[in-house]
PDB file of N, CA and C in Angstrom:
ATOM      1  N   MET A   1      10.649  -1.408 -21.122  1.00  0.00           N
ATOM      2  CA  MET A   1      10.318  -0.506 -20.029  1.00  0.00           C
ATOM      3  C   MET A   1       8.946  -0.837 -19.453  1.00  0.00           C
ATOM      4  N   GLY A   2       8.008  -1.217 -20.317  1.00  0.00           N
ATOM      5  CA  GLY A   2       6.660  -1.549 -19.851  1.00  0.00           C
ATOM      6  C   GLY A   2       6.649  -2.755 -18.932  1.00  0.00           C
ATOM      7  N   PHE A   3       7.545  -3.721 -19.211  1.00  0.00           N
ATOM      8  CA  PHE A   3       7.637  -4.908 -18.359  1.00  0.00           C
ATOM      9  C   PHE A   3       8.064  -4.531 -16.949  1.00  0.00           C
ATOM     10  N   LEU A   4       9.048  -3.640 -16.831  1.00  0.00           N
ATOM     11  CA  LEU A   4       9.526  -3.231 -15.511  1.00  0.00           C
ATOM     12  C   LEU A   4       8.462  -2.458 -14.743  1.00  0.00           C
ATOM     13  N   ILE A   5       7.737  -1.607 -15.439  1.00  0.00           N
ATOM     14  CA  ILE A   5       6.657  -0.856 -14.781  1.00  0.00           C
ATOM     15  C   ILE A   5       5.584  -1.816 -14.291  1.00  0.00           C
ATOM     16  N   ARG A   6       5.223  -2.774 -15.126  1.00  0.00           N
ATOM     17  CA  ARG A   6       4.207  -3.765 -14.745  1.00  0.00           C
ATOM     18  C   ARG A   6       4.680  -4.605 -13.552  1.00  0.00           C
ATOM     19  N   LEU A   7       5.970  -4.948 -13.527  1.00  0.00           N
ATOM     20  CA  LEU A   7       6.530  -5.723 -12.432  1.00  0.00           C
ATOM     21  C   LEU A   7       6.496  -4.932 -11.123  1.00  0.00           C
ATOM     22  N   VAL A   8       6.857  -3.662 -11.173  1.00  0.00           N
ATOM     23  CA  VAL A   8       6.822  -2.825  -9.974  1.00  0.00           C
ATOM     24  C   VAL A   8       5.388  -2.606  -9.510  1.00  0.00           C
ATOM     25  N   VAL A   9       4.467  -2.413 -10.441  1.00  0.00           N
ATOM     26  CA  VAL A   9       3.050  -2.250 -10.084  1.00  0.00           C
ATOM     27  C   VAL A   9       2.537  -3.509  -9.389  1.00  0.00           C
ATOM     28  N   ASN A  10       2.878  -4.681  -9.905  1.00  0.00           N
ATOM     29  CA  ASN A  10       2.438  -5.924  -9.272  1.00  0.00           C
ATOM     30  C   ASN A  10       3.103  -6.133  -7.913  1.00  0.00           C
ATOM     31  N   ALA A  11       4.359  -5.717  -7.768  1.00  0.00           N
ATOM     32  CA  ALA A  11       5.034  -5.827  -6.478  1.00  0.00           C
ATOM     33  C   ALA A  11       4.364  -4.922  -5.447  1.00  0.00           C
ATOM     34  N   ILE A  12       4.020  -3.707  -5.836  1.00  0.00           N
ATOM     35  CA  ILE A  12       3.322  -2.792  -4.929  1.00  0.00           C
ATOM     36  C   ILE A  12       1.945  -3.347  -4.585  1.00  0.00           C
ATOM     37  N   ALA A  13       1.267  -3.917  -5.577  1.00  0.00           N
ATOM     38  CA  ALA A  13      -0.040  -4.539  -5.314  1.00  0.00           C
ATOM     39  C   ALA A  13       0.099  -5.704  -4.346  1.00  0.00           C
ATOM     40  N   LEU A  14       1.166  -6.460  -4.467  1.00  0.00           N
ATOM     41  CA  LEU A  14       1.405  -7.592  -3.570  1.00  0.00           C
ATOM     42  C   LEU A  14       1.650  -7.116  -2.137  1.00  0.00           C
ATOM     43  N   ILE A  15       2.373  -6.025  -1.980  1.00  0.00           N
ATOM     44  CA  ILE A  15       2.587  -5.456  -0.647  1.00  0.00           C
ATOM     45  C   ILE A  15       1.257  -4.963  -0.075  1.00  0.00           C
ATOM     46  N   ALA A  16       0.435  -4.334  -0.909  1.00  0.00           N
ATOM     47  CA  ALA A  16      -0.874  -3.879  -0.449  1.00  0.00           C
ATOM     48  C   ALA A  16      -1.751  -5.054  -0.025  1.00  0.00           C
ATOM     49  N   VAL A  17      -1.685  -6.148  -0.773  1.00  0.00           N
ATOM     50  CA  VAL A  17      -2.464  -7.344  -0.430  1.00  0.00           C
ATOM     51  C   VAL A  17      -2.027  -7.882   0.931  1.00  0.00           C
ATOM     52  N   ALA A  18      -0.727  -7.841   1.197  1.00  0.00           N
ATOM     53  CA  ALA A  18      -0.219  -8.333   2.485  1.00  0.00           C
ATOM     54  C   ALA A  18      -0.752  -7.488   3.647  1.00  0.00           C
ATOM     55  N   TYR A  19      -0.974  -6.188   3.418  1.00  0.00           N
ATOM     56  CA  TYR A  19      -1.539  -5.334   4.457  1.00  0.00           C
ATOM     57  C   TYR A  19      -3.041  -5.528   4.606  1.00  0.00           C
ATOM     58  N   ILE A  20      -3.721  -5.861   3.520  1.00  0.00           N
ATOM     59  CA  ILE A  20      -5.183  -5.952   3.541  1.00  0.00           C
ATOM     60  C   ILE A  20      -5.670  -7.321   3.993  1.00  0.00           C
ATOM     61  N   VAL A  21      -5.070  -8.381   3.485  1.00  0.00           N
ATOM     62  CA  VAL A  21      -5.559  -9.744   3.715  1.00  0.00           C
ATOM     63  C   VAL A  21      -4.725 -10.411   4.808  1.00  0.00           C
ATOM     64  N   PRO A  22      -5.362 -10.801   5.914  1.00  0.00           N
ATOM     65  CA  PRO A  22      -4.615 -11.535   6.937  1.00  0.00           C
ATOM     66  C   PRO A  22      -4.247 -12.928   6.419  1.00  0.00           C
ATOM     67  N   GLY A  23      -3.047 -13.374   6.758  1.00  0.00           N
ATOM     68  CA  GLY A  23      -2.600 -14.688   6.320  1.00  0.00           C
ATOM     69  C   GLY A  23      -1.666 -14.636   5.129  1.00  0.00           C
ATOM     70  N   ILE A  24      -1.403 -13.431   4.609  1.00  0.00           N
ATOM     71  CA  ILE A  24      -0.465 -13.267   3.508  1.00  0.00           C
ATOM     72  C   ILE A  24       0.683 -12.407   4.009  1.00  0.00           C
ATOM     73  N   HIS A  25       1.899 -12.894   3.795  1.00  0.00           N
ATOM     74  CA  HIS A  25       3.083 -12.212   4.299  1.00  0.00           C
ATOM     75  C   HIS A  25       4.067 -12.000   3.150  1.00  0.00           C
ATOM     76  N   VAL A  26       4.570 -10.772   3.032  1.00  0.00           N
ATOM     77  CA  VAL A  26       5.567 -10.431   2.021  1.00  0.00           C
ATOM     78  C   VAL A  26       6.810  -9.958   2.754  1.00  0.00           C
ATOM     79  N   TYR A  27       7.965 -10.463   2.343  1.00  0.00           N
ATOM     80  CA  TYR A  27       9.218 -10.154   3.014  1.00  0.00           C
ATOM     81  C   TYR A  27       9.995  -9.088   2.255  1.00  0.00           C
ATOM     82  N   GLY A  28       9.629  -7.826   2.463  1.00  0.00           N
ATOM     83  CA  GLY A  28      10.333  -6.700   1.869  1.00  0.00           C
ATOM     84  C   GLY A  28       9.973  -6.458   0.418  1.00  0.00           C
ATOM     85  N   PHE A  29      10.487  -5.327  -0.091  1.00  0.00           N
ATOM     86  CA  PHE A  29      10.174  -4.961  -1.472  1.00  0.00           C
ATOM     87  C   PHE A  29      10.859  -5.892  -2.467  1.00  0.00           C
ATOM     88  N   GLY A  30      12.085  -6.307  -2.151  1.00  0.00           N
ATOM     89  CA  GLY A  30      12.788  -7.243  -3.030  1.00  0.00           C
ATOM     90  C   GLY A  30      12.056  -8.571  -3.119  1.00  0.00           C
ATOM     91  N   GLY A  31      11.546  -9.041  -1.984  1.00  0.00           N
ATOM     92  CA  GLY A  31      10.758 -10.270  -1.981  1.00  0.00           C
ATOM     93  C   GLY A  31       9.470 -10.115  -2.766  1.00  0.00           C
ATOM     94  N   ALA A  32       8.870  -8.918  -2.673  1.00  0.00           N
ATOM     95  CA  ALA A  32       7.640  -8.665  -3.430  1.00  0.00           C
ATOM     96  C   ALA A  32       7.911  -8.654  -4.921  1.00  0.00           C
ATOM     97  N   VAL A  33       9.038  -8.081  -5.335  1.00  0.00           N
ATOM     98  CA  VAL A  33       9.385  -8.051  -6.763  1.00  0.00           C
ATOM     99  C   VAL A  33       9.633  -9.470  -7.274  1.00  0.00           C
ATOM    100  N   LEU A  34      10.379 -10.259  -6.489  1.00  0.00           N
ATOM    101  CA  LEU A  34      10.659 -11.640  -6.895  1.00  0.00           C
ATOM    102  C   LEU A  34       9.366 -12.460  -6.957  1.00  0.00           C
ATOM    103  N   ALA A  35       8.503 -12.303  -5.944  1.00  0.00           N
ATOM    104  CA  ALA A  35       7.230 -13.028  -5.930  1.00  0.00           C
ATOM    105  C   ALA A  35       6.333 -12.581  -7.084  1.00  0.00           C
ATOM    106  N   ALA A  36       6.332 -11.283  -7.395  1.00  0.00           N
ATOM    107  CA  ALA A  36       5.531 -10.790  -8.523  1.00  0.00           C
ATOM    108  C   ALA A  36       6.046 -11.351  -9.845  1.00  0.00           C
ATOM    109  N   LEU A  37       7.362 -11.467  -9.967  1.00  0.00           N
ATOM    110  CA  LEU A  37       7.941 -12.041 -11.180  1.00  0.00           C
ATOM    111  C   LEU A  37       7.556 -13.511 -11.326  1.00  0.00           C
ATOM    112  N   ILE A  38       7.691 -14.282 -10.248  1.00  0.00           N
ATOM    113  CA  ILE A  38       7.333 -15.707 -10.281  1.00  0.00           C
ATOM    114  C   ILE A  38       5.832 -15.856 -10.529  1.00  0.00           C
ATOM    115  N   LEU A  39       5.016 -15.019  -9.893  1.00  0.00           N
ATOM    116  CA  LEU A  39       3.567 -15.076 -10.092  1.00  0.00           C
ATOM    117  C   LEU A  39       3.205 -14.774 -11.541  1.00  0.00           C
ATOM    118  N   GLY A  40       3.889 -13.819 -12.139  1.00  0.00           N
ATOM    119  CA  GLY A  40       3.650 -13.511 -13.548  1.00  0.00           C
ATOM    120  C   GLY A  40       4.016 -14.667 -14.464  1.00  0.00           C
ATOM    121  N   ILE A  41       5.137 -15.321 -14.182  1.00  0.00           N
ATOM    122  CA  ILE A  41       5.546 -16.464 -14.988  1.00  0.00           C
ATOM    123  C   ILE A  41       4.562 -17.616 -14.837  1.00  0.00           C
ATOM    124  N   VAL A  42       4.158 -17.888 -13.599  1.00  0.00           N
ATOM    125  CA  VAL A  42       3.198 -18.973 -13.343  1.00  0.00           C
ATOM    126  C   VAL A  42       1.872 -18.680 -14.030  1.00  0.00           C
ATOM    127  N   ASN A  43       1.417 -17.428 -13.954  1.00  0.00           N
ATOM    128  CA  ASN A  43       0.152 -17.068 -14.601  1.00  0.00           C
ATOM    129  C   ASN A  43       0.253 -17.130 -16.122  1.00  0.00           C
ATOM    130  N   ALA A  44       1.426 -16.882 -16.654  1.00  0.00           N
ATOM    131  CA  ALA A  44       1.586 -16.922 -18.112  1.00  0.00           C
ATOM    132  C   ALA A  44       1.729 -18.339 -18.643  1.00  0.00           C
ATOM    133  N   VAL A  45       2.308 -19.247 -17.859  1.00  0.00           N
ATOM    134  CA  VAL A  45       2.601 -20.586 -18.352  1.00  0.00           C
ATOM    135  C   VAL A  45       1.573 -21.620 -17.879  1.00  0.00           C
ATOM    136  N   ILE A  46       1.335 -21.678 -16.579  1.00  0.00           N
ATOM    137  CA  ILE A  46       0.505 -22.749 -16.012  1.00  0.00           C
ATOM    138  C   ILE A  46      -0.990 -22.427 -16.065  1.00  0.00           C
ATOM    139  N   ARG A  47      -1.357 -21.169 -15.851  1.00  0.00           N
ATOM    140  CA  ARG A  47      -2.777 -20.794 -15.786  1.00  0.00           C
ATOM    141  C   ARG A  47      -3.560 -21.155 -17.055  1.00  0.00           C
ATOM    142  N   PRO A  48      -3.044 -20.869 -18.262  1.00  0.00           N
ATOM    143  CA  PRO A  48      -3.824 -21.250 -19.454  1.00  0.00           C
ATOM    144  C   PRO A  48      -4.042 -22.758 -19.564  1.00  0.00           C
ATOM    145  N   ILE A  49      -3.055 -23.528 -19.167  1.00  0.00           N
ATOM    146  CA  ILE A  49      -3.191 -24.989 -19.211  1.00  0.00           C
ATOM    147  C   ILE A  49      -4.282 -25.442 -18.259  1.00  0.00           C
ATOM    148  N   LEU A  50      -4.268 -24.900 -17.033  1.00  0.00           N
ATOM    149  CA  LEU A  50      -5.294 -25.277 -16.047  1.00  0.00           C
ATOM    150  C   LEU A  50      -6.694 -24.836 -16.481  1.00  0.00           C
ATOM    151  N   ILE A  51      -6.777 -23.691 -17.110  1.00  0.00           N
ATOM    152  CA  ILE A  51      -8.088 -23.217 -17.564  1.00  0.00           C
ATOM    153  C   ILE A  51      -8.642 -24.121 -18.659  1.00  0.00           C
ATOM    154  N   ILE A  52      -7.789 -24.565 -19.566  1.00  0.00           N
ATOM    155  CA  ILE A  52      -8.251 -25.472 -20.623  1.00  0.00           C
ATOM    156  C   ILE A  52      -8.655 -26.822 -20.047  1.00  0.00           C
ATOM    157  N   ILE A  53      -7.843 -27.346 -19.119  1.00  0.00           N
ATOM    158  CA  ILE A  53      -8.159 -28.642 -18.512  1.00  0.00           C
ATOM    159  C   ILE A  53      -9.465 -28.584 -17.722  1.00  0.00           C
ATOM    160  N   SER A  54      -9.706 -27.471 -17.043  1.00  0.00           N
ATOM    161  CA  SER A  54     -10.899 -27.360 -16.198  1.00  0.00           C
ATOM    162  C   SER A  54     -12.065 -26.685 -16.907  1.00  0.00           C
ATOM    163  N   LEU A  55     -12.033 -26.638 -18.213  1.00  0.00           N
ATOM    164  CA  LEU A  55     -13.097 -25.966 -18.966  1.00  0.00           C
ATOM    165  C   LEU A  55     -14.498 -26.512 -18.668  1.00  0.00           C
ATOM    166  N   PRO A  56     -14.697 -27.839 -18.576  1.00  0.00           N
ATOM    167  CA  PRO A  56     -16.055 -28.317 -18.273  1.00  0.00           C
ATOM    168  C   PRO A  56     -16.594 -27.819 -16.924  1.00  0.00           C
ATOM    169  N   ILE A  57     -15.759 -27.845 -15.889  1.00  0.00           N
ATOM    170  CA  ILE A  57     -16.234 -27.378 -14.581  1.00  0.00           C
ATOM    171  C   ILE A  57     -16.391 -25.859 -14.570  1.00  0.00           C
ATOM    172  N   SER A  58     -15.578 -25.169 -15.359  1.00  0.00           N
ATOM    173  CA  SER A  58     -15.737 -23.712 -15.462  1.00  0.00           C
ATOM    174  C   SER A  58     -17.055 -23.357 -16.132  1.00  0.00           C
ATOM    175  N   ILE A  59     -17.441 -24.138 -17.121  1.00  0.00           N
ATOM    176  CA  ILE A  59     -18.727 -23.903 -17.781  1.00  0.00           C
ATOM    177  C   ILE A  59     -19.875 -24.174 -16.819  1.00  0.00           C
ATOM    178  N   LEU A  60     -19.762 -25.264 -16.053  1.00  0.00           N
ATOM    179  CA  LEU A  60     -20.818 -25.594 -15.083  1.00  0.00           C
ATOM    180  C   LEU A  60     -20.969 -24.538 -14.001  1.00  0.00           C
ATOM    181  N   THR A  61     -19.849 -23.931 -13.595  1.00  0.00           N
ATOM    182  CA  THR A  61     -19.904 -22.928 -12.527  1.00  0.00           C
ATOM    183  C   THR A  61     -19.992 -21.509 -13.072  1.00  0.00           C
ATOM    184  N   LEU A  62     -20.239 -21.383 -14.365  1.00  0.00           N
ATOM    185  CA  LEU A  62     -20.357 -20.094 -15.041  1.00  0.00           C
ATOM    186  C   LEU A  62     -19.096 -19.243 -14.887  1.00  0.00           C
ATOM    187  N   GLY A  63     -17.949 -19.893 -14.895  1.00  0.00           N
ATOM    188  CA  GLY A  63     -16.670 -19.202 -14.843  1.00  0.00           C
ATOM    189  C   GLY A  63     -16.113 -18.945 -13.461  1.00  0.00           C
ATOM    190  N   LEU A  64     -16.870 -19.265 -12.423  1.00  0.00           N
ATOM    191  CA  LEU A  64     -16.391 -18.995 -11.070  1.00  0.00           C
ATOM    192  C   LEU A  64     -15.234 -19.897 -10.654  1.00  0.00           C
ATOM    193  N   PHE A  65     -15.065 -21.033 -11.328  1.00  0.00           N
ATOM    194  CA  PHE A  65     -13.963 -21.922 -10.987  1.00  0.00           C
ATOM    195  C   PHE A  65     -12.611 -21.291 -11.315  1.00  0.00           C
ATOM    196  N   VAL A  66     -12.597 -20.294 -12.180  1.00  0.00           N
ATOM    197  CA  VAL A  66     -11.355 -19.594 -12.498  1.00  0.00           C
ATOM    198  C   VAL A  66     -10.819 -18.889 -11.246  1.00  0.00           C
ATOM    199  N   LEU A  67     -11.713 -18.454 -10.364  1.00  0.00           N
ATOM    200  CA  LEU A  67     -11.276 -17.860  -9.099  1.00  0.00           C
ATOM    201  C   LEU A  67     -10.516 -18.881  -8.251  1.00  0.00           C
ATOM    202  N   VAL A  68     -10.962 -20.122  -8.284  1.00  0.00           N
ATOM    203  CA  VAL A  68     -10.276 -21.192  -7.555  1.00  0.00           C
ATOM    204  C   VAL A  68      -8.905 -21.444  -8.167  1.00  0.00           C
ATOM    205  N   ILE A  69      -8.822 -21.436  -9.484  1.00  0.00           N
ATOM    206  CA  ILE A  69      -7.532 -21.621 -10.158  1.00  0.00           C
ATOM    207  C   ILE A  69      -6.573 -20.495  -9.770  1.00  0.00           C
ATOM    208  N   ASN A  70      -7.057 -19.262  -9.775  1.00  0.00           N
ATOM    209  CA  ASN A  70      -6.221 -18.128  -9.377  1.00  0.00           C
ATOM    210  C   ASN A  70      -5.729 -18.285  -7.945  1.00  0.00           C
ATOM    211  N   ALA A  71      -6.609 -18.729  -7.050  1.00  0.00           N
ATOM    212  CA  ALA A  71      -6.233 -18.921  -5.654  1.00  0.00           C
ATOM    213  C   ALA A  71      -5.186 -20.022  -5.519  1.00  0.00           C
ATOM    214  N   LEU A  72      -5.367 -21.116  -6.243  1.00  0.00           N
ATOM    215  CA  LEU A  72      -4.403 -22.215  -6.172  1.00  0.00           C
ATOM    216  C   LEU A  72      -3.027 -21.794  -6.684  1.00  0.00           C
ATOM    217  N   LEU A  73      -2.989 -21.012  -7.744  1.00  0.00           N
ATOM    218  CA  LEU A  73      -1.706 -20.546  -8.261  1.00  0.00           C
ATOM    219  C   LEU A  73      -1.050 -19.545  -7.309  1.00  0.00           C
ATOM    220  N   PHE A  74      -1.845 -18.683  -6.695  1.00  0.00           N
ATOM    221  CA  PHE A  74      -1.330 -17.737  -5.706  1.00  0.00           C
ATOM    222  C   PHE A  74      -0.767 -18.500  -4.506  1.00  0.00           C
ATOM    223  N   TRP A  75      -1.479 -19.525  -4.076  1.00  0.00           N
ATOM    224  CA  TRP A  75      -1.049 -20.364  -2.972  1.00  0.00           C
ATOM    225  C   TRP A  75       0.228 -21.117  -3.342  1.00  0.00           C
ATOM    226  N   PHE A  76       0.301 -21.590  -4.578  1.00  0.00           N
ATOM    227  CA  PHE A  76       1.483 -22.298  -5.058  1.00  0.00           C
ATOM    228  C   PHE A  76       2.726 -21.407  -5.001  1.00  0.00           C
ATOM    229  N   VAL A  77       2.594 -20.174  -5.468  1.00  0.00           N
ATOM    230  CA  VAL A  77       3.730 -19.250  -5.421  1.00  0.00           C
ATOM    231  C   VAL A  77       4.116 -18.958  -3.978  1.00  0.00           C
ATOM    232  N   GLY A  78       3.128 -18.858  -3.090  1.00  0.00           N
ATOM    233  CA  GLY A  78       3.419 -18.668  -1.669  1.00  0.00           C
ATOM    234  C   GLY A  78       4.146 -19.853  -1.079  1.00  0.00           C
ATOM    235  N   ALA A  79       3.867 -21.049  -1.569  1.00  0.00           N
ATOM    236  CA  ALA A  79       4.522 -22.256  -1.062  1.00  0.00           C
ATOM    237  C   ALA A  79       5.972 -22.350  -1.516  1.00  0.00           C
ATOM    238  N   LEU A  80       6.346 -21.607  -2.534  1.00  0.00           N
ATOM    239  CA  LEU A  80       7.726 -21.611  -3.008  1.00  0.00           C
ATOM    240  C   LEU A  80       8.655 -20.794  -2.104  1.00  0.00           C
ATOM    241  N   HIS A  81       8.087 -19.965  -1.232  1.00  0.00           N
ATOM    242  CA  HIS A  81       8.844 -19.114  -0.290  1.00  0.00           C
ATOM    243  C   HIS A  81       9.856 -18.228  -1.022  1.00  0.00           C
ATOM    244  N   VAL A  82       9.364 -17.491  -1.999  1.00  0.00           N
ATOM    245  CA  VAL A  82      10.215 -16.579  -2.769  1.00  0.00           C
ATOM    246  C   VAL A  82       9.906 -15.121  -2.415  1.00  0.00           C
ATOM    247  N   GLY A  83       9.701 -14.858  -1.142  1.00  0.00           N
ATOM    248  CA  GLY A  83       9.355 -13.517  -0.702  1.00  0.00           C
ATOM    249  C   GLY A  83       7.887 -13.387  -0.355  1.00  0.00           C
ATOM    250  N   LEU A  84       7.124 -14.428  -0.584  1.00  0.00           N
ATOM    251  CA  LEU A  84       5.688 -14.439  -0.309  1.00  0.00           C
ATOM    252  C   LEU A  84       5.357 -15.715   0.442  1.00  0.00           C
ATOM    253  N   TYR A  85       4.555 -15.586   1.499  1.00  0.00           N
ATOM    254  CA  TYR A  85       4.087 -16.759   2.226  1.00  0.00           C
ATOM    255  C   TYR A  85       2.585 -16.622   2.426  1.00  0.00           C
ATOM    256  N   VAL A  86       1.850 -17.684   2.118  1.00  0.00           N
ATOM    257  CA  VAL A  86       0.392 -17.697   2.240  1.00  0.00           C
ATOM    258  C   VAL A  86       0.014 -18.793   3.226  1.00  0.00           C
ATOM    259  N   ASP A  87      -0.818 -18.458   4.214  1.00  0.00           N
ATOM    260  CA  ASP A  87      -1.167 -19.389   5.288  1.00  0.00           C
ATOM    261  C   ASP A  87      -2.078 -20.532   4.866  1.00  0.00           C
ATOM    262  N   GLY A  88      -2.896 -20.364   3.846  1.00  0.00           N
ATOM    263  CA  GLY A  88      -3.816 -21.425   3.453  1.00  0.00           C
ATOM    264  C   GLY A  88      -4.606 -21.050   2.215  1.00  0.00           C
ATOM    265  N   PHE A  89      -5.625 -21.874   1.926  1.00  0.00           N
ATOM    266  CA  PHE A  89      -6.399 -21.647   0.712  1.00  0.00           C
ATOM    267  C   PHE A  89      -7.202 -20.353   0.775  1.00  0.00           C
ATOM    268  N   TRP A  90      -7.914 -20.122   1.884  1.00  0.00           N
ATOM    269  CA  TRP A  90      -8.780 -18.939   1.939  1.00  0.00           C
ATOM    270  C   TRP A  90      -8.004 -17.630   1.905  1.00  0.00           C
ATOM    271  N   PRO A  91      -6.874 -17.510   2.614  1.00  0.00           N
ATOM    272  CA  PRO A  91      -6.080 -16.295   2.394  1.00  0.00           C
ATOM    273  C   PRO A  91      -5.598 -16.174   0.944  1.00  0.00           C
ATOM    274  N   ALA A  92      -5.285 -17.302   0.303  1.00  0.00           N
ATOM    275  CA  ALA A  92      -4.872 -17.274  -1.105  1.00  0.00           C
ATOM    276  C   ALA A  92      -6.030 -16.833  -1.992  1.00  0.00           C
ATOM    277  N   PHE A  93      -7.232 -17.308  -1.694  1.00  0.00           N
ATOM    278  CA  PHE A  93      -8.412 -16.936  -2.481  1.00  0.00           C
ATOM    279  C   PHE A  93      -8.642 -15.432  -2.410  1.00  0.00           C
ATOM    280  N   TRP A  94      -8.707 -14.907  -1.180  1.00  0.00           N
ATOM    281  CA  TRP A  94      -8.956 -13.476  -1.009  1.00  0.00           C
ATOM    282  C   TRP A  94      -7.763 -12.656  -1.492  1.00  0.00           C
ATOM    283  N   GLY A  95      -6.554 -13.186  -1.316  1.00  0.00           N
ATOM    284  CA  GLY A  95      -5.369 -12.481  -1.788  1.00  0.00           C
ATOM    285  C   GLY A  95      -5.330 -12.358  -3.302  1.00  0.00           C
ATOM    286  N   ALA A  96      -5.683 -13.425  -4.001  1.00  0.00           N
ATOM    287  CA  ALA A  96      -5.706 -13.377  -5.468  1.00  0.00           C
ATOM    288  C   ALA A  96      -6.771 -12.406  -5.959  1.00  0.00           C
ATOM    289  N   LEU A  97      -7.904 -12.385  -5.280  1.00  0.00           N
ATOM    290  CA  LEU A  97      -8.982 -11.471  -5.656  1.00  0.00           C
ATOM    291  C   LEU A  97      -8.579 -10.012  -5.427  1.00  0.00           C
ATOM    292  N   VAL A  98      -8.032  -9.734  -4.252  1.00  0.00           N
ATOM    293  CA  VAL A  98      -7.597  -8.368  -3.937  1.00  0.00           C
ATOM    294  C   VAL A  98      -6.425  -7.967  -4.824  1.00  0.00           C
ATOM    295  N   MET A  99      -5.539  -8.913  -5.104  1.00  0.00           N
ATOM    296  CA  MET A  99      -4.386  -8.635  -5.986  1.00  0.00           C
ATOM    297  C   MET A  99      -4.868  -8.187  -7.368  1.00  0.00           C
ATOM    298  N   ALA A 100      -5.858  -8.867  -7.909  1.00  0.00           N
ATOM    299  CA  ALA A 100      -6.387  -8.500  -9.225  1.00  0.00           C
ATOM    300  C   ALA A 100      -6.991  -7.094  -9.198  1.00  0.00           C
ATOM    301  N   ILE A 101      -7.718  -6.788  -8.130  1.00  0.00           N
ATOM    302  CA  ILE A 101      -8.362  -5.473  -8.023  1.00  0.00           C
ATOM    303  C   ILE A 101      -7.324  -4.365  -7.862  1.00  0.00           C
ATOM    304  N   VAL A 102      -6.402  -4.543  -6.914  1.00  0.00           N
ATOM    305  CA  VAL A 102      -5.391  -3.514  -6.642  1.00  0.00           C
ATOM    306  C   VAL A 102      -4.467  -3.334  -7.848  1.00  0.00           C
ATOM    307  N   SER A 103      -4.057  -4.429  -8.465  1.00  0.00           N
ATOM    308  CA  SER A 103      -3.188  -4.349  -9.631  1.00  0.00           C
ATOM    309  C   SER A 103      -3.889  -3.623 -10.779  1.00  0.00           C
ATOM    310  N   GLY A 104      -5.159  -3.918 -10.964  1.00  0.00           N
ATOM    311  CA  GLY A 104      -5.920  -3.227 -12.005  1.00  0.00           C
ATOM    312  C   GLY A 104      -6.046  -1.737 -11.735  1.00  0.00           C
ATOM    313  N   LEU A 105      -6.306  -1.379 -10.476  1.00  0.00           N
ATOM    314  CA  LEU A 105      -6.408   0.044 -10.126  1.00  0.00           C
ATOM    315  C   LEU A 105      -5.073   0.760 -10.307  1.00  0.00           C
ATOM    316  N   LEU A 106      -3.987   0.125  -9.865  1.00  0.00           N
ATOM    317  CA  LEU A 106      -2.667   0.742 -10.035  1.00  0.00           C
ATOM    318  C   LEU A 106      -2.292   0.854 -11.509  1.00  0.00           C
ATOM    319  N   SER A 107      -2.680  -0.112 -12.312  1.00  0.00           N
ATOM    320  CA  SER A 107      -2.404  -0.042 -13.748  1.00  0.00           C
ATOM    321  C   SER A 107      -3.152   1.114 -14.392  1.00  0.00           C
ATOM    322  N   MET A 108      -4.377   1.335 -13.932  1.00  0.00           N
ATOM    323  CA  MET A 108      -5.140   2.474 -14.468  1.00  0.00           C
ATOM    324  C   MET A 108      -4.477   3.793 -14.061  1.00  0.00           C
ATOM    325  N   LEU A 109      -3.974   3.875 -12.831  1.00  0.00           N
ATOM    326  CA  LEU A 109      -3.342   5.105 -12.362  1.00  0.00           C
ATOM    327  C   LEU A 109      -2.030   5.398 -13.089  1.00  0.00           C
ATOM    328  N   THR A 110      -1.286   4.358 -13.417  1.00  0.00           N
ATOM    329  CA  THR A 110      -0.015   4.561 -14.111  1.00  0.00           C
ATOM    330  C   THR A 110      -0.195   4.684 -15.616  1.00  0.00           C
ATOM    331  N   GLY A 111      -1.388   4.392 -16.094  1.00  0.00           N
ATOM    332  CA  GLY A 111      -1.642   4.484 -17.527  1.00  0.00           C
ATOM    333  C   GLY A 111      -1.093   3.308 -18.296  1.00  0.00           C
ATOM    334  N   ARG A 112      -0.757   2.222 -17.594  1.00  0.00           N
ATOM    335  CA  ARG A 112      -0.184   1.041 -18.234  1.00  0.00           C
ATOM    336  C   ARG A 112      -1.201  -0.089 -18.201  1.00  0.00           C
ATOM    337  N   ASP A 113      -2.330   0.106 -18.836  1.00  0.00           N
ATOM    338  CA  ASP A 113      -3.364  -0.920 -18.882  1.00  0.00           C
ATOM    339  C   ASP A 113      -2.982  -1.943 -19.938  1.00  0.00           C
ATOM    340  N   GLU A 114      -2.856  -3.213 -19.543  1.00  0.00           N
ATOM    341  CA  GLU A 114      -2.375  -4.264 -20.448  1.00  0.00           C
ATOM    342  C   GLU A 114      -3.373  -4.609 -21.547  1.00  0.00           C
ATOM    343  N   ARG A 115      -4.619  -4.171 -21.442  1.00  0.00           N
ATOM    344  CA  ARG A 115      -5.598  -4.478 -22.485  1.00  0.00           C
ATOM    345  C   ARG A 115      -5.441  -3.569 -23.688  1.00  0.00           C
ATOM    346  N   ARG A 116      -4.725  -2.471 -23.521  1.00  0.00           N
ATOM    347  CA  ARG A 116      -4.487  -1.579 -24.652  1.00  0.00           C
ATOM    348  C   ARG A 116      -3.386  -2.122 -25.530  1.00  0.00           C
ATOM    349  N   THR A 117      -3.473  -1.837 -26.814  1.00  0.00           N
ATOM    350  CA  THR A 117      -2.423  -2.283 -27.736  1.00  0.00           C
ATOM    351  C   THR A 117      -1.601  -1.139 -28.230  1.00  0.00           C
TER     352      THR A 117
END
C-alpha cells in the first residue's frame, strides 16, 4: 500500500512541476503515474551507479554535481516519452529540483516520509 501512495504522491508532484516549470509537459494523470513509475525505477537503479562513478567530481563540487545527475535522469525519462516531455537541460534541472521539493512536502502531508522506518 505504501508503494501505491508514494507513486500517486510522485505523480501529483510531477503534475505540479509541469505547472510550475516552463518546458516540462505531462500528458494526463495516467501519463504522470507512468512517468513517476519510470522515474522511480531509474532513480533506484541508475542513479546510485552514476553517483559512484562521479564521486570524484561530486567531492570537488561539494556534492552539487548530484543536482546535475538528477537533472540528467529527469531529462532521460522525459526523452522516453512515457507521459513526460522535457524541453532541455535547464527545464530538467529546475524540474528535478522542484520535483524533490514538492514530493517531499506532499510526503510530509500524507505522513508517508520514506526516511522513517
